Amino acid sequence: MQKSVLELFNLKNKVVIITGWAGFLGWQYAQALGSVGANVVIWDKMTLQATKKFADKLKNDFGCDSLAVQV
């Protein structure tokens, strides 16, 4: 039986750090990686409050652990 693409690209319990995520591509990467089980850390120079809002959205949409960091 062949595995699906999502089974082959399973990142459950892996941590991914995305720097400069607030641009269009960074946010797309965060959503894609969160949807395959990765725990996503998003780093950006945005205010911590704004970054945390998006980290919470990742957690709510995909059930992944997420962390916001202002750098």
C-alpha atoms as a PDB file:
ATOM      1  CA  MET A   1       0.000   0.000   0.000  1.00  0.00           C
ATOM      2  CA  GLN A   2       1.403   3.416  -0.943  1.00  0.00           C
ATOM      3  CA  LYS A   3       1.670   6.124   1.658  1.00  0.00           C
ATOM      4  CA  SER A   4       0.046   9.486   1.099  1.00  0.00           C
ATOM      5  CA  VAL A   5       2.120  12.632   0.762  1.00  0.00           C
ATOM      6  CA  LEU A   6       1.058  13.753   4.240  1.00  0.00           C
ATOM      7  CA  GLU A   7       2.225  10.453   5.734  1.00  0.00           C
ATOM      8  CA  LEU A   8       5.592  10.814   4.015  1.00  0.00           C
ATOM      9  CA  PHE A   9       5.966  14.428   5.146  1.00  0.00           C
ATOM     10  CA  ASN A  10       4.943  13.892   8.772  1.00  0.00           C
ATOM     11  CA  LEU A  11       6.674  16.326  11.135  1.00  0.00           C
ATOM     12  CA  LYS A  12       4.840  15.306  14.310  1.00  0.00           C
ATOM     13  CA  ASN A  13       6.863  16.243  17.409  1.00  0.00           C
ATOM     14  CA  LYS A  14       9.485  18.133  15.361  1.00  0.00           C
ATOM     15  CA  VAL A  15      10.266  21.801  16.022  1.00  0.00           C
ATOM     16  CA  VAL A  16      10.507  24.261  13.142  1.00  0.00           C
ATOM     17  CA  ILE A  17      11.784  27.821  13.601  1.00  0.00           C
ATOM     18  CA  ILE A  18      10.651  30.342  11.007  1.00  0.00           C
ATOM     19  CA  THR A  19      12.479  33.676  11.057  1.00  0.00           C
ATOM     20  CA  GLY A  20      10.920  36.684   9.419  1.00  0.00           C
ATOM     21  CA  TRP A  21       7.673  34.761   9.164  1.00  0.00           C
ATOM     22  CA  ALA A  22       5.391  37.809   8.971  1.00  0.00           C
ATOM     23  CA  GLY A  23       5.703  38.145   5.208  1.00  0.00           C
ATOM     24  CA  PHE A  24       3.425  36.255   2.850  1.00  0.00           C
ATOM     25  CA  LEU A  25       5.744  33.275   2.307  1.00  0.00           C
ATOM     26  CA  GLY A  26       6.708  32.971   5.968  1.00  0.00           C
ATOM     27  CA  TRP A  27       3.070  32.735   7.008  1.00  0.00           C
ATOM     28  CA  GLN A  28       2.370  30.170   4.279  1.00  0.00           C
ATOM     29  CA  TYR A  29       5.318  28.069   5.513  1.00  0.00           C
ATOM     30  CA  ALA A  30       4.080  28.317   9.107  1.00  0.00           C
ATOM     31  CA  GLN A  31       0.616  27.105   8.129  1.00  0.00           C
ATOM     32  CA  ALA A  32       1.909  24.292   5.923  1.00  0.00           C
ATOM     33  CA  LEU A  33       4.340  23.020   8.554  1.00  0.00           C
ATOM     34  CA  GLY A  34       1.761  23.303  11.331  1.00  0.00           C
ATOM     35  CA  SER A  35      -0.717  21.322   9.241  1.00  0.00           C
ATOM     36  CA  VAL A  36       1.678  18.340   9.067  1.00  0.00           C
ATOM     37  CA  GLY A  37       2.260  18.257  12.812  1.00  0.00           C
ATOM     38  CA  ALA A  38       5.315  20.458  13.349  1.00  0.00           C
ATOM     39  CA  ASN A  39       5.612  22.579  16.471  1.00  0.00           C
ATOM     40  CA  VAL A  40       6.189  26.041  15.021  1.00  0.00           C
ATOM     41  CA  VAL A  41       8.302  28.818  16.531  1.00  0.00           C
ATOM     42  CA  ILE A  42       7.747  32.124  14.766  1.00  0.00           C
ATOM     43  CA  TRP A  43      10.403  34.837  15.096  1.00  0.00           C
ATOM     44  CA  ASP A  44       9.968  38.350  13.832  1.00  0.00           C
ATOM     45  CA  LYS A  45      10.631  41.965  14.726  1.00  0.00           C
ATOM     46  CA  MET A  46       6.903  42.605  15.057  1.00  0.00           C
ATOM     47  CA  THR A  47       5.635  43.332  18.546  1.00  0.00           C
ATOM     48  CA  LEU A  48       5.329  40.284  20.752  1.00  0.00           C
ATOM     49  CA  GLN A  49       1.570  40.875  21.096  1.00  0.00           C
ATOM     50  CA  ALA A  50       1.071  40.755  17.310  1.00  0.00           C
ATOM     51  CA  THR A  51       3.325  37.724  16.891  1.00  0.00           C
ATOM     52  CA  LYS A  52       1.549  35.875  19.723  1.00  0.00           C
ATOM     53  CA  LYS A  53      -1.792  36.459  17.997  1.00  0.00           C
ATOM     54  CA  PHE A  54      -0.552  34.549  14.958  1.00  0.00           C
ATOM     55  CA  ALA A  55       1.007  31.797  17.100  1.00  0.00           C
ATOM     56  CA  ASP A  56      -2.381  31.335  18.768  1.00  0.00           C
ATOM     57  CA  LYS A  57      -4.039  31.172  15.350  1.00  0.00           C
ATOM     58  CA  LEU A  58      -1.669  28.366  14.304  1.00  0.00           C
ATOM     59  CA  LYS A  59      -2.502  26.464  17.491  1.00  0.00           C
ATOM     60  CA  ASN A  60      -6.247  26.886  16.987  1.00  0.00           C
ATOM     61  CA  ASP A  61      -6.248  26.064  13.264  1.00  0.00           C
ATOM     62  CA  PHE A  62      -3.893  23.072  13.302  1.00  0.00           C
ATOM     63  CA  GLY A  63      -3.599  21.913  16.909  1.00  0.00           C
ATOM     64  CA  CYS A  64       0.171  22.291  16.831  1.00  0.00           C
ATOM     65  CA  ASP A  65       2.231  23.809  19.620  1.00  0.00           C
ATOM     66  CA  SER A  66       3.431  27.251  18.624  1.00  0.00           C
ATOM     67  CA  LEU A  67       5.585  29.887  20.208  1.00  0.00           C
ATOM     68  CA  ALA A  68       5.978  33.566  19.372  1.00  0.00           C
ATOM     69  CA  VAL A  69       9.324  35.317  19.809  1.00  0.00           C
ATOM     70  CA  GLN A  70      10.126  38.968  19.129  1.00  0.00           C
ATOM     71  CA  VAL A  71      13.707  39.415  17.934  1.00  0.00           C
END
